[in-house]
Amino acid sequence: MDMLPDVTVTAPDGTVLRLRERPLPMVVYFYPKDDTTGCTREAQDFSALAAEFATAGISVLGISRDTPSKHQKFIAKYDLAVALASDEDGSACEAFGTWVEKSMYGRTYMGIERSTFLFDRDGRLAREWRKVKVAGHAAAVLEAACAL
């Protein structure tokens, strides 16, 4: 993937968002599930840095396969400051290659690989992070984004 994929996702209010129509540069991060420990920490970390991303002119969008109404509850519960979107049909996950086989306790299943993508002003992929470890990740993404 060299360029921002032309896919749509759904905002918590039900609005359909076309990624190529979002402001650039942009960070798109995929996470497995709302209101779980790692995903909550990641959303809180990006939210804590939301003003710095905005000051640098960088939009941030978190995507999972949770429903828009679940995103609304997640945002309200943790007072999140980053935009979230739903990929209920999995098309964005497919386009970004984040829908992968995972394994836990000896059981294999399909799920979202925690991944982050940074796109420059032209919509070109500037950097990607796969199999993300949450601690310190949002700060590292901000640093890379500000260096564009």
N, C-alpha and C. Protein backbone atom coordinates (compact mmCIF):
# COMPACT_ATOMS: atom_id res chain seq x y z
N MET A 1 0.85 -1.18 0.00
CA MET A 1 0.00 0.00 0.00
C MET A 1 0.90 1.24 0.00
N ASP A 2 0.80 2.02 -1.04
CA ASP A 2 1.59 3.25 -1.14
C ASP A 2 0.76 4.49 -0.86
N MET A 3 -0.53 4.40 -1.19
CA MET A 3 -1.43 5.55 -1.06
C MET A 3 -2.58 5.22 -0.11
N LEU A 4 -3.22 6.26 0.42
CA LEU A 4 -4.39 6.09 1.29
C LEU A 4 -5.48 5.35 0.51
N PRO A 5 -5.92 4.20 1.00
CA PRO A 5 -6.97 3.44 0.28
C PRO A 5 -8.28 4.23 0.19
N ASP A 6 -9.00 4.01 -0.88
CA ASP A 6 -10.27 4.69 -1.11
C ASP A 6 -11.39 3.83 -0.50
N VAL A 7 -11.56 3.94 0.81
CA VAL A 7 -12.57 3.17 1.53
C VAL A 7 -13.43 4.10 2.36
N THR A 8 -14.58 3.58 2.78
CA THR A 8 -15.47 4.34 3.64
C THR A 8 -15.63 3.63 4.98
N VAL A 9 -15.85 4.43 6.01
CA VAL A 9 -16.14 3.95 7.36
C VAL A 9 -17.30 4.79 7.88
N THR A 10 -17.83 4.43 9.03
CA THR A 10 -19.00 5.13 9.57
C THR A 10 -18.66 5.81 10.89
N ALA A 11 -18.96 7.11 10.96
CA ALA A 11 -18.73 7.88 12.18
C ALA A 11 -19.75 7.45 13.24
N PRO A 12 -19.47 7.76 14.52
CA PRO A 12 -20.41 7.38 15.59
C PRO A 12 -21.82 7.93 15.39
N ASP A 13 -21.97 9.07 14.68
CA ASP A 13 -23.30 9.63 14.44
C ASP A 13 -23.99 9.03 13.21
N GLY A 14 -23.33 8.05 12.57
CA GLY A 14 -23.92 7.38 11.41
C GLY A 14 -23.49 7.96 10.07
N THR A 15 -22.74 9.05 10.08
CA THR A 15 -22.25 9.67 8.85
C THR A 15 -21.22 8.76 8.19
N VAL A 16 -21.35 8.60 6.88
CA VAL A 16 -20.37 7.80 6.15
C VAL A 16 -19.18 8.70 5.80
N LEU A 17 -17.98 8.25 6.16
CA LEU A 17 -16.76 9.01 5.91
C LEU A 17 -15.92 8.32 4.85
N ARG A 18 -15.55 9.06 3.82
CA ARG A 18 -14.64 8.53 2.81
C ARG A 18 -13.23 8.97 3.22
N LEU A 19 -12.34 8.02 3.47
CA LEU A 19 -11.02 8.36 3.98
C LEU A 19 -10.28 9.35 3.09
N ARG A 20 -10.42 9.21 1.78
CA ARG A 20 -9.71 10.13 0.87
C ARG A 20 -10.23 11.56 0.93
N GLU A 21 -11.36 11.77 1.59
CA GLU A 21 -11.91 13.12 1.73
C GLU A 21 -11.58 13.73 3.08
N ARG A 22 -10.87 13.01 3.91
CA ARG A 22 -10.47 13.51 5.24
C ARG A 22 -9.25 14.41 5.09
N PRO A 23 -9.06 15.32 6.04
CA PRO A 23 -7.88 16.22 5.98
C PRO A 23 -6.56 15.45 6.11
N LEU A 24 -5.59 15.86 5.33
CA LEU A 24 -4.25 15.28 5.36
C LEU A 24 -3.27 16.33 5.87
N PRO A 25 -2.16 15.95 6.47
CA PRO A 25 -1.75 14.58 6.79
C PRO A 25 -2.66 13.95 7.84
N MET A 26 -2.62 12.62 7.88
CA MET A 26 -3.56 11.90 8.74
C MET A 26 -2.93 10.65 9.33
N VAL A 27 -3.30 10.38 10.57
CA VAL A 27 -2.96 9.13 11.25
C VAL A 27 -4.23 8.29 11.29
N VAL A 28 -4.13 7.06 10.82
CA VAL A 28 -5.24 6.11 10.91
C VAL A 28 -4.74 4.95 11.77
N TYR A 29 -5.43 4.73 12.88
CA TYR A 29 -5.01 3.59 13.71
C TYR A 29 -6.16 2.61 13.85
N PHE A 30 -5.82 1.34 13.73
CA PHE A 30 -6.79 0.25 13.86
C PHE A 30 -6.58 -0.41 15.20
N TYR A 31 -7.69 -0.71 15.87
CA TYR A 31 -7.61 -1.36 17.17
C TYR A 31 -8.72 -2.40 17.27
N PRO A 32 -8.50 -3.46 18.07
CA PRO A 32 -9.45 -4.58 18.09
C PRO A 32 -10.85 -4.30 18.62
N LYS A 33 -10.99 -3.61 19.77
CA LYS A 33 -12.31 -3.56 20.39
C LYS A 33 -12.43 -2.42 21.39
N ASP A 34 -13.55 -1.70 21.32
CA ASP A 34 -13.84 -0.64 22.28
C ASP A 34 -13.88 -1.20 23.71
N ASP A 35 -13.46 -0.36 24.65
CA ASP A 35 -13.63 -0.62 26.07
C ASP A 35 -12.90 -1.87 26.57
N THR A 36 -11.79 -2.20 25.93
CA THR A 36 -10.90 -3.24 26.46
C THR A 36 -9.63 -2.53 26.94
N THR A 37 -8.87 -3.16 27.77
CA THR A 37 -7.75 -2.50 28.43
C THR A 37 -6.79 -1.80 27.47
N GLY A 38 -6.21 -2.55 26.53
CA GLY A 38 -5.23 -1.97 25.61
C GLY A 38 -5.83 -0.92 24.69
N CYS A 39 -7.02 -1.20 24.19
CA CYS A 39 -7.67 -0.27 23.26
C CYS A 39 -8.09 1.02 23.96
N THR A 40 -8.52 0.91 25.21
CA THR A 40 -8.88 2.10 25.98
C THR A 40 -7.63 2.95 26.23
N ARG A 41 -6.55 2.31 26.64
CA ARG A 41 -5.30 3.03 26.89
C ARG A 41 -4.82 3.75 25.62
N GLU A 42 -4.88 3.05 24.48
CA GLU A 42 -4.44 3.65 23.22
C GLU A 42 -5.30 4.86 22.87
N ALA A 43 -6.61 4.74 22.99
CA ALA A 43 -7.50 5.87 22.69
C ALA A 43 -7.26 7.03 23.64
N GLN A 44 -7.02 6.71 24.91
CA GLN A 44 -6.73 7.77 25.89
C GLN A 44 -5.39 8.45 25.58
N ASP A 45 -4.41 7.68 25.16
CA ASP A 45 -3.10 8.25 24.82
C ASP A 45 -3.20 9.17 23.61
N PHE A 46 -3.91 8.75 22.58
CA PHE A 46 -4.09 9.61 21.41
C PHE A 46 -4.92 10.84 21.80
N SER A 47 -5.92 10.66 22.65
CA SER A 47 -6.75 11.79 23.11
C SER A 47 -5.92 12.80 23.88
N ALA A 48 -5.01 12.31 24.73
CA ALA A 48 -4.17 13.20 25.53
C ALA A 48 -3.29 14.07 24.64
N LEU A 49 -2.98 13.58 23.45
CA LEU A 49 -2.12 14.32 22.51
C LEU A 49 -2.92 14.98 21.38
N ALA A 50 -4.25 14.92 21.46
CA ALA A 50 -5.10 15.42 20.37
C ALA A 50 -4.81 16.88 20.04
N ALA A 51 -4.62 17.72 21.04
CA ALA A 51 -4.35 19.14 20.79
C ALA A 51 -3.02 19.32 20.06
N GLU A 52 -2.02 18.51 20.41
CA GLU A 52 -0.73 18.61 19.74
C GLU A 52 -0.81 18.14 18.29
N PHE A 53 -1.57 17.06 18.03
CA PHE A 53 -1.78 16.62 16.65
C PHE A 53 -2.49 17.73 15.87
N ALA A 54 -3.53 18.33 16.47
CA ALA A 54 -4.29 19.39 15.81
C ALA A 54 -3.42 20.61 15.52
N THR A 55 -2.61 21.01 16.48
CA THR A 55 -1.70 22.15 16.29
C THR A 55 -0.75 21.89 15.13
N ALA A 56 -0.32 20.64 14.97
CA ALA A 56 0.58 20.27 13.88
C ALA A 56 -0.18 20.05 12.57
N GLY A 57 -1.51 20.20 12.60
CA GLY A 57 -2.32 20.03 11.38
C GLY A 57 -2.51 18.60 10.96
N ILE A 58 -2.46 17.68 11.92
CA ILE A 58 -2.56 16.25 11.62
C ILE A 58 -3.86 15.70 12.20
N SER A 59 -4.70 15.11 11.34
CA SER A 59 -5.94 14.51 11.83
C SER A 59 -5.64 13.08 12.28
N VAL A 60 -6.44 12.62 13.24
CA VAL A 60 -6.28 11.27 13.80
C VAL A 60 -7.63 10.57 13.75
N LEU A 61 -7.63 9.33 13.27
CA LEU A 61 -8.86 8.55 13.19
C LEU A 61 -8.59 7.13 13.66
N GLY A 62 -9.33 6.69 14.67
CA GLY A 62 -9.25 5.32 15.16
C GLY A 62 -10.36 4.49 14.56
N ILE A 63 -10.05 3.29 14.09
CA ILE A 63 -11.03 2.44 13.44
C ILE A 63 -11.06 1.06 14.08
N SER A 64 -12.27 0.57 14.36
CA SER A 64 -12.46 -0.82 14.77
C SER A 64 -13.74 -1.31 14.09
N ARG A 65 -14.08 -2.57 14.33
CA ARG A 65 -15.30 -3.12 13.72
C ARG A 65 -16.50 -2.98 14.65
N ASP A 66 -16.34 -2.26 15.77
CA ASP A 66 -17.46 -2.01 16.66
C ASP A 66 -18.50 -1.13 15.97
N THR A 67 -19.73 -1.18 16.45
CA THR A 67 -20.82 -0.40 15.86
C THR A 67 -20.68 1.09 16.21
N PRO A 68 -21.30 1.96 15.41
CA PRO A 68 -21.28 3.39 15.74
C PRO A 68 -21.82 3.67 17.15
N SER A 69 -22.88 2.98 17.56
CA SER A 69 -23.45 3.24 18.89
C SER A 69 -22.48 2.81 19.99
N LYS A 70 -21.73 1.74 19.77
CA LYS A 70 -20.72 1.32 20.74
C LYS A 70 -19.61 2.37 20.83
N HIS A 71 -19.23 2.94 19.69
CA HIS A 71 -18.23 4.03 19.68
C HIS A 71 -18.74 5.23 20.49
N GLN A 72 -20.02 5.57 20.33
CA GLN A 72 -20.58 6.70 21.08
C GLN A 72 -20.42 6.48 22.58
N LYS A 73 -20.73 5.28 23.04
CA LYS A 73 -20.63 4.96 24.47
C LYS A 73 -19.17 4.99 24.93
N PHE A 74 -18.26 4.46 24.11
CA PHE A 74 -16.83 4.43 24.42
C PHE A 74 -16.29 5.86 24.54
N ILE A 75 -16.64 6.72 23.60
CA ILE A 75 -16.20 8.12 23.61
C ILE A 75 -16.71 8.83 24.86
N ALA A 76 -18.00 8.63 25.17
CA ALA A 76 -18.61 9.30 26.32
C ALA A 76 -18.02 8.79 27.64
N LYS A 77 -17.82 7.48 27.75
CA LYS A 77 -17.33 6.88 28.99
C LYS A 77 -15.94 7.40 29.36
N TYR A 78 -15.07 7.59 28.34
CA TYR A 78 -13.69 7.99 28.61
C TYR A 78 -13.38 9.42 28.16
N ASP A 79 -14.40 10.16 27.73
CA ASP A 79 -14.23 11.55 27.28
C ASP A 79 -13.11 11.63 26.25
N LEU A 80 -13.19 10.77 25.23
CA LEU A 80 -12.14 10.70 24.21
C LEU A 80 -12.18 11.91 23.29
N ALA A 81 -11.01 12.36 22.87
CA ALA A 81 -10.89 13.55 22.03
C ALA A 81 -10.47 13.22 20.60
N VAL A 82 -10.35 11.94 20.28
CA VAL A 82 -10.00 11.56 18.91
C VAL A 82 -11.23 11.01 18.21
N ALA A 83 -11.25 11.18 16.89
CA ALA A 83 -12.36 10.67 16.09
C ALA A 83 -12.25 9.15 15.98
N LEU A 84 -13.39 8.48 16.10
CA LEU A 84 -13.45 7.03 15.91
C LEU A 84 -14.41 6.74 14.78
N ALA A 85 -14.22 5.60 14.15
CA ALA A 85 -15.11 5.19 13.06
C ALA A 85 -15.28 3.67 13.08
N SER A 86 -16.38 3.24 12.50
CA SER A 86 -16.72 1.82 12.45
C SER A 86 -16.46 1.26 11.06
N ASP A 87 -15.90 0.07 11.04
CA ASP A 87 -15.67 -0.67 9.80
C ASP A 87 -16.43 -1.99 9.93
N GLU A 88 -17.74 -1.88 10.00
CA GLU A 88 -18.56 -3.07 10.28
C GLU A 88 -18.45 -4.14 9.21
N ASP A 89 -18.27 -3.74 7.94
CA ASP A 89 -18.19 -4.75 6.88
C ASP A 89 -16.76 -5.26 6.66
N GLY A 90 -15.79 -4.65 7.34
CA GLY A 90 -14.42 -5.11 7.25
C GLY A 90 -13.66 -4.64 6.02
N SER A 91 -14.25 -3.79 5.19
CA SER A 91 -13.58 -3.37 3.95
C SER A 91 -12.33 -2.54 4.21
N ALA A 92 -12.36 -1.68 5.23
CA ALA A 92 -11.17 -0.88 5.55
C ALA A 92 -10.08 -1.80 6.10
N CYS A 93 -10.44 -2.73 6.97
CA CYS A 93 -9.46 -3.68 7.51
C CYS A 93 -8.80 -4.47 6.38
N GLU A 94 -9.58 -4.88 5.40
CA GLU A 94 -9.03 -5.61 4.26
C GLU A 94 -8.08 -4.73 3.47
N ALA A 95 -8.48 -3.49 3.19
CA ALA A 95 -7.66 -2.58 2.39
C ALA A 95 -6.33 -2.27 3.06
N PHE A 96 -6.34 -2.20 4.40
CA PHE A 96 -5.13 -1.88 5.14
C PHE A 96 -4.36 -3.14 5.57
N GLY A 97 -4.95 -4.30 5.35
CA GLY A 97 -4.28 -5.55 5.72
C GLY A 97 -4.22 -5.79 7.22
N THR A 98 -5.22 -5.28 7.95
CA THR A 98 -5.22 -5.43 9.41
C THR A 98 -6.13 -6.55 9.91
N TRP A 99 -6.89 -7.19 9.01
CA TRP A 99 -7.75 -8.31 9.40
C TRP A 99 -6.92 -9.57 9.24
N VAL A 100 -6.46 -10.12 10.35
CA VAL A 100 -5.48 -11.21 10.32
C VAL A 100 -5.89 -12.36 11.23
N GLU A 101 -5.23 -13.49 11.03
CA GLU A 101 -5.44 -14.61 11.92
C GLU A 101 -4.65 -14.35 13.20
N LYS A 102 -5.33 -14.51 14.33
CA LYS A 102 -4.71 -14.29 15.63
C LYS A 102 -4.83 -15.57 16.44
N SER A 103 -4.10 -15.63 17.54
CA SER A 103 -4.13 -16.81 18.39
C SER A 103 -4.11 -16.39 19.84
N MET A 104 -5.00 -17.00 20.64
CA MET A 104 -5.01 -16.75 22.07
C MET A 104 -5.42 -18.04 22.78
N TYR A 105 -4.64 -18.43 23.75
CA TYR A 105 -4.91 -19.64 24.54
C TYR A 105 -5.08 -20.87 23.64
N GLY A 106 -4.27 -20.93 22.59
CA GLY A 106 -4.31 -22.08 21.69
C GLY A 106 -5.44 -22.06 20.67
N ARG A 107 -6.26 -21.04 20.70
CA ARG A 107 -7.39 -20.93 19.76
C ARG A 107 -7.04 -19.89 18.70
N THR A 108 -7.27 -20.22 17.43
CA THR A 108 -7.03 -19.25 16.37
C THR A 108 -8.36 -18.65 15.93
N TYR A 109 -8.31 -17.39 15.57
CA TYR A 109 -9.51 -16.67 15.15
C TYR A 109 -9.07 -15.47 14.31
N MET A 110 -10.01 -14.86 13.60
CA MET A 110 -9.72 -13.67 12.81
C MET A 110 -10.02 -12.43 13.65
N GLY A 111 -9.13 -11.43 13.56
CA GLY A 111 -9.33 -10.20 14.30
C GLY A 111 -8.46 -9.09 13.76
N ILE A 112 -8.59 -7.92 14.35
CA ILE A 112 -7.83 -6.76 13.93
C ILE A 112 -6.46 -6.76 14.59
N GLU A 113 -5.43 -6.62 13.76
CA GLU A 113 -4.06 -6.45 14.26
C GLU A 113 -3.90 -4.96 14.59
N ARG A 114 -3.52 -4.66 15.82
CA ARG A 114 -3.32 -3.26 16.23
C ARG A 114 -2.23 -2.66 15.34
N SER A 115 -2.61 -1.70 14.51
CA SER A 115 -1.71 -1.11 13.52
C SER A 115 -2.01 0.37 13.36
N THR A 116 -0.98 1.13 12.99
CA THR A 116 -1.13 2.57 12.77
C THR A 116 -0.45 2.94 11.47
N PHE A 117 -1.09 3.87 10.75
CA PHE A 117 -0.61 4.32 9.44
C PHE A 117 -0.56 5.83 9.43
N LEU A 118 0.53 6.37 8.92
CA LEU A 118 0.71 7.82 8.81
C LEU A 118 0.77 8.18 7.33
N PHE A 119 -0.13 9.07 6.90
CA PHE A 119 -0.18 9.51 5.52
C PHE A 119 0.20 10.98 5.43
N ASP A 120 1.01 11.31 4.43
CA ASP A 120 1.46 12.69 4.27
C ASP A 120 0.40 13.55 3.57
N ARG A 121 0.74 14.80 3.26
CA ARG A 121 -0.19 15.74 2.65
C ARG A 121 -0.72 15.29 1.29
N ASP A 122 0.02 14.40 0.62
CA ASP A 122 -0.40 13.91 -0.69
C ASP A 122 -1.15 12.57 -0.60
N GLY A 123 -1.37 12.10 0.63
CA GLY A 123 -2.05 10.82 0.80
C GLY A 123 -1.14 9.62 0.63
N ARG A 124 0.17 9.87 0.60
CA ARG A 124 1.14 8.78 0.49
C ARG A 124 1.44 8.22 1.88
N LEU A 125 1.61 6.92 1.92
CA LEU A 125 1.97 6.27 3.19
C LEU A 125 3.39 6.69 3.57
N ALA A 126 3.53 7.38 4.69
CA ALA A 126 4.84 7.85 5.15
C ALA A 126 5.47 6.87 6.12
N ARG A 127 4.62 6.19 6.91
CA ARG A 127 5.13 5.27 7.93
C ARG A 127 4.00 4.35 8.37
N GLU A 128 4.34 3.15 8.73
CA GLU A 128 3.35 2.24 9.32
C GLU A 128 3.96 1.50 10.49
N TRP A 129 3.11 1.21 11.45
CA TRP A 129 3.48 0.45 12.63
C TRP A 129 2.55 -0.76 12.69
N ARG A 130 3.11 -1.96 12.78
CA ARG A 130 2.32 -3.19 12.88
C ARG A 130 2.55 -3.82 14.25
N LYS A 131 1.58 -4.61 14.67
CA LYS A 131 1.67 -5.31 15.96
C LYS A 131 2.09 -4.33 17.06
N VAL A 132 1.38 -3.23 17.13
CA VAL A 132 1.69 -2.12 18.02
C VAL A 132 1.61 -2.52 19.49
N LYS A 133 2.59 -2.09 20.24
CA LYS A 133 2.55 -2.14 21.71
C LYS A 133 2.10 -0.75 22.14
N VAL A 134 1.10 -0.67 22.99
CA VAL A 134 0.43 0.60 23.30
C VAL A 134 1.33 1.60 24.03
N ALA A 135 2.10 1.16 25.00
CA ALA A 135 2.90 2.08 25.81
C ALA A 135 3.84 2.93 24.95
N GLY A 136 3.67 4.24 25.01
CA GLY A 136 4.51 5.17 24.28
C GLY A 136 4.22 5.31 22.80
N HIS A 137 3.26 4.54 22.30
CA HIS A 137 3.00 4.53 20.85
C HIS A 137 2.47 5.86 20.33
N ALA A 138 1.46 6.43 20.98
CA ALA A 138 0.87 7.68 20.48
C ALA A 138 1.92 8.78 20.41
N ALA A 139 2.80 8.86 21.39
CA ALA A 139 3.87 9.86 21.39
C ALA A 139 4.84 9.63 20.23
N ALA A 140 5.16 8.37 19.95
CA ALA A 140 6.05 8.05 18.83
C ALA A 140 5.41 8.43 17.50
N VAL A 141 4.10 8.22 17.38
CA VAL A 141 3.39 8.58 16.16
C VAL A 141 3.38 10.11 16.00
N LEU A 142 3.13 10.82 17.08
CA LEU A 142 3.14 12.28 17.02
C LEU A 142 4.51 12.79 16.57
N GLU A 143 5.56 12.22 17.11
CA GLU A 143 6.92 12.63 16.74
C GLU A 143 7.17 12.39 15.24
N ALA A 144 6.78 11.23 14.74
CA ALA A 144 6.96 10.92 13.32
C ALA A 144 6.11 11.84 12.45
N ALA A 145 4.89 12.12 12.88
CA ALA A 145 3.98 12.97 12.11
C ALA A 145 4.51 14.41 12.04
N CYS A 146 5.04 14.90 13.13
CA CYS A 146 5.58 16.26 13.16
C CYS A 146 6.84 16.40 12.31
N ALA A 147 7.51 15.27 12.06
CA ALA A 147 8.73 15.28 11.25
C ALA A 147 8.44 15.24 9.75
N LEU A 148 7.18 15.10 9.37
CA LEU A 148 6.83 15.05 7.93
C LEU A 148 7.23 16.33 7.24
